[in-house]
Amino acid sequence: MEKESLNRFYNFKLLPEVKLLKKYINQNKPTELIKIHPNLESTVSELVSIEKEISNWIEILELKKNY
């Protein structure tokens, strides 16, 4: 049950948010996003590390993409 909840969270919340953030950064300047949402500064600057950490946990927990 908990693994199913994690899969749903990953696929329906976390993954879409990361994709949306990356899309916005690719289409605009990261500085523009930070001006609009200053609380995202650390997230934007650490996005590569965050994605690596997500990948590590996905492997550890054996979660599935597109659950």
N, C-alpha and C. Protein backbone atom coordinates (compact mmCIF):
# COMPACT_ATOMS: atom_id res chain seq x y z
N MET A 1 0.82 -1.19 0.00
CA MET A 1 0.00 0.00 0.00
C MET A 1 0.87 1.27 0.00
N GLU A 2 1.89 1.30 0.84
CA GLU A 2 2.75 2.48 0.90
C GLU A 2 3.53 2.67 -0.39
N LYS A 3 3.99 1.58 -0.96
CA LYS A 3 4.72 1.67 -2.22
C LYS A 3 3.81 2.20 -3.33
N GLU A 4 2.57 1.76 -3.32
CA GLU A 4 1.60 2.25 -4.30
C GLU A 4 1.38 3.75 -4.13
N SER A 5 1.30 4.20 -2.90
CA SER A 5 1.15 5.64 -2.62
C SER A 5 2.36 6.42 -3.10
N LEU A 6 3.53 5.88 -2.87
CA LEU A 6 4.75 6.54 -3.35
C LEU A 6 4.79 6.59 -4.87
N ASN A 7 4.39 5.51 -5.51
CA ASN A 7 4.33 5.51 -6.98
C ASN A 7 3.37 6.58 -7.48
N ARG A 8 2.23 6.69 -6.86
CA ARG A 8 1.25 7.70 -7.28
C ARG A 8 1.79 9.12 -7.04
N PHE A 9 2.39 9.32 -5.89
CA PHE A 9 2.97 10.63 -5.60
C PHE A 9 4.04 10.98 -6.62
N TYR A 10 4.91 10.04 -6.88
CA TYR A 10 6.00 10.27 -7.84
C TYR A 10 5.45 10.60 -9.23
N ASN A 11 4.53 9.80 -9.71
CA ASN A 11 4.03 9.96 -11.07
C ASN A 11 3.03 11.08 -11.26
N PHE A 12 2.25 11.37 -10.26
CA PHE A 12 1.18 12.35 -10.43
C PHE A 12 1.47 13.71 -9.78
N LYS A 13 2.48 13.78 -8.94
CA LYS A 13 2.81 15.05 -8.28
C LYS A 13 4.25 15.47 -8.57
N LEU A 14 5.19 14.66 -8.13
CA LEU A 14 6.60 15.05 -8.21
C LEU A 14 7.10 15.15 -9.65
N LEU A 15 6.93 14.11 -10.42
CA LEU A 15 7.42 14.10 -11.79
C LEU A 15 6.80 15.22 -12.64
N PRO A 16 5.49 15.44 -12.60
CA PRO A 16 4.93 16.56 -13.38
C PRO A 16 5.49 17.92 -12.95
N GLU A 17 5.71 18.11 -11.66
CA GLU A 17 6.25 19.38 -11.18
C GLU A 17 7.68 19.60 -11.67
N VAL A 18 8.48 18.56 -11.63
CA VAL A 18 9.87 18.66 -12.11
C VAL A 18 9.87 18.94 -13.61
N LYS A 19 9.03 18.24 -14.35
CA LYS A 19 8.95 18.47 -15.80
C LYS A 19 8.49 19.90 -16.11
N LEU A 20 7.52 20.38 -15.38
CA LEU A 20 7.03 21.74 -15.57
C LEU A 20 8.12 22.77 -15.28
N LEU A 21 8.84 22.56 -14.22
CA LEU A 21 9.93 23.46 -13.86
C LEU A 21 11.01 23.45 -14.94
N LYS A 22 11.40 22.28 -15.40
CA LYS A 22 12.42 22.19 -16.45
C LYS A 22 11.95 22.84 -17.75
N LYS A 23 10.69 22.63 -18.10
CA LYS A 23 10.14 23.23 -19.31
C LYS A 23 10.19 24.76 -19.22
N TYR A 24 9.78 25.28 -18.07
CA TYR A 24 9.80 26.73 -17.89
C TYR A 24 11.22 27.26 -17.98
N ILE A 25 12.16 26.59 -17.35
CA ILE A 25 13.55 27.02 -17.38
C ILE A 25 14.11 26.97 -18.80
N ASN A 26 13.74 25.95 -19.55
CA ASN A 26 14.21 25.83 -20.94
C ASN A 26 13.61 26.89 -21.85
N GLN A 27 12.40 27.32 -21.56
CA GLN A 27 11.73 28.31 -22.41
C GLN A 27 12.05 29.74 -21.99
N ASN A 28 12.44 29.92 -20.77
CA ASN A 28 12.72 31.25 -20.23
C ASN A 28 14.04 31.22 -19.49
N LYS A 29 14.41 32.35 -18.97
CA LYS A 29 15.62 32.40 -18.18
C LYS A 29 15.29 32.02 -16.74
N PRO A 30 16.17 31.24 -16.11
CA PRO A 30 15.94 30.90 -14.70
C PRO A 30 15.77 32.15 -13.82
N THR A 31 16.47 33.22 -14.17
CA THR A 31 16.36 34.44 -13.36
C THR A 31 14.95 35.02 -13.40
N GLU A 32 14.27 34.85 -14.54
CA GLU A 32 12.88 35.33 -14.63
C GLU A 32 11.97 34.55 -13.68
N LEU A 33 12.18 33.26 -13.64
CA LEU A 33 11.38 32.43 -12.74
C LEU A 33 11.65 32.82 -11.29
N ILE A 34 12.88 33.05 -10.96
CA ILE A 34 13.25 33.42 -9.59
C ILE A 34 12.69 34.78 -9.21
N LYS A 35 12.61 35.69 -10.17
CA LYS A 35 11.99 37.00 -9.90
C LYS A 35 10.52 36.84 -9.53
N ILE A 36 9.85 35.95 -10.27
CA ILE A 36 8.42 35.72 -10.04
C ILE A 36 8.20 34.91 -8.76
N HIS A 37 9.06 33.92 -8.56
CA HIS A 37 8.93 33.00 -7.42
C HIS A 37 10.27 32.90 -6.69
N PRO A 38 10.61 33.88 -5.87
CA PRO A 38 11.91 33.88 -5.20
C PRO A 38 12.15 32.65 -4.32
N ASN A 39 11.09 32.05 -3.84
CA ASN A 39 11.24 30.86 -2.99
C ASN A 39 11.77 29.65 -3.76
N LEU A 40 11.79 29.71 -5.09
CA LEU A 40 12.29 28.61 -5.91
C LEU A 40 13.78 28.72 -6.25
N GLU A 41 14.43 29.73 -5.74
CA GLU A 41 15.83 29.95 -6.10
C GLU A 41 16.72 28.74 -5.81
N SER A 42 16.62 28.20 -4.62
CA SER A 42 17.47 27.04 -4.29
C SER A 42 17.07 25.81 -5.11
N THR A 43 15.79 25.66 -5.38
CA THR A 43 15.33 24.52 -6.19
C THR A 43 15.88 24.62 -7.61
N VAL A 44 15.82 25.80 -8.18
CA VAL A 44 16.33 26.01 -9.53
C VAL A 44 17.84 25.79 -9.58
N SER A 45 18.54 26.32 -8.61
CA SER A 45 20.01 26.19 -8.62
C SER A 45 20.47 24.76 -8.32
N GLU A 46 19.64 23.99 -7.65
CA GLU A 46 20.02 22.62 -7.29
C GLU A 46 19.25 21.56 -8.07
N LEU A 47 18.65 21.95 -9.18
CA LEU A 47 17.78 21.03 -9.91
C LEU A 47 18.50 19.76 -10.36
N VAL A 48 19.71 19.86 -10.82
CA VAL A 48 20.45 18.67 -11.25
C VAL A 48 20.66 17.71 -10.08
N SER A 49 21.04 18.24 -8.94
CA SER A 49 21.22 17.41 -7.75
C SER A 49 19.90 16.80 -7.30
N ILE A 50 18.85 17.57 -7.38
CA ILE A 50 17.52 17.07 -7.00
C ILE A 50 17.11 15.92 -7.90
N GLU A 51 17.33 16.07 -9.19
CA GLU A 51 16.98 14.99 -10.12
C GLU A 51 17.80 13.73 -9.86
N LYS A 52 19.06 13.90 -9.55
CA LYS A 52 19.90 12.73 -9.22
C LYS A 52 19.38 12.05 -7.96
N GLU A 53 19.01 12.83 -6.97
CA GLU A 53 18.49 12.27 -5.72
C GLU A 53 17.16 11.54 -5.97
N ILE A 54 16.32 12.11 -6.80
CA ILE A 54 15.06 11.45 -7.15
C ILE A 54 15.35 10.11 -7.82
N SER A 55 16.28 10.11 -8.76
CA SER A 55 16.64 8.87 -9.47
C SER A 55 17.16 7.81 -8.50
N ASN A 56 17.98 8.24 -7.57
CA ASN A 56 18.50 7.29 -6.57
C ASN A 56 17.37 6.66 -5.78
N TRP A 57 16.42 7.47 -5.32
CA TRP A 57 15.32 6.95 -4.52
C TRP A 57 14.37 6.09 -5.35
N ILE A 58 14.22 6.43 -6.61
CA ILE A 58 13.37 5.62 -7.49
C ILE A 58 13.95 4.21 -7.60
N GLU A 59 15.27 4.13 -7.75
CA GLU A 59 15.93 2.83 -7.82
C GLU A 59 15.84 2.09 -6.49
N ILE A 60 16.13 2.77 -5.41
CA ILE A 60 16.10 2.15 -4.09
C ILE A 60 14.71 1.59 -3.79
N LEU A 61 13.69 2.38 -4.07
CA LEU A 61 12.32 1.98 -3.75
C LEU A 61 11.66 1.16 -4.85
N GLU A 62 12.38 1.03 -5.96
CA GLU A 62 11.87 0.28 -7.12
C GLU A 62 10.50 0.81 -7.57
N LEU A 63 10.44 2.12 -7.71
CA LEU A 63 9.20 2.74 -8.17
C LEU A 63 9.14 2.67 -9.69
N LYS A 64 7.93 2.79 -10.22
CA LYS A 64 7.73 2.71 -11.66
C LYS A 64 7.34 4.08 -12.20
N LYS A 65 7.91 4.40 -13.36
CA LYS A 65 7.46 5.61 -14.04
C LYS A 65 6.15 5.31 -14.72
N ASN A 66 5.35 6.36 -14.85
CA ASN A 66 4.05 6.25 -15.51
C ASN A 66 3.21 5.14 -14.90
N TYR A 67 3.13 5.17 -13.63
CA TYR A 67 2.40 4.18 -12.85
C TYR A 67 0.97 4.07 -13.30
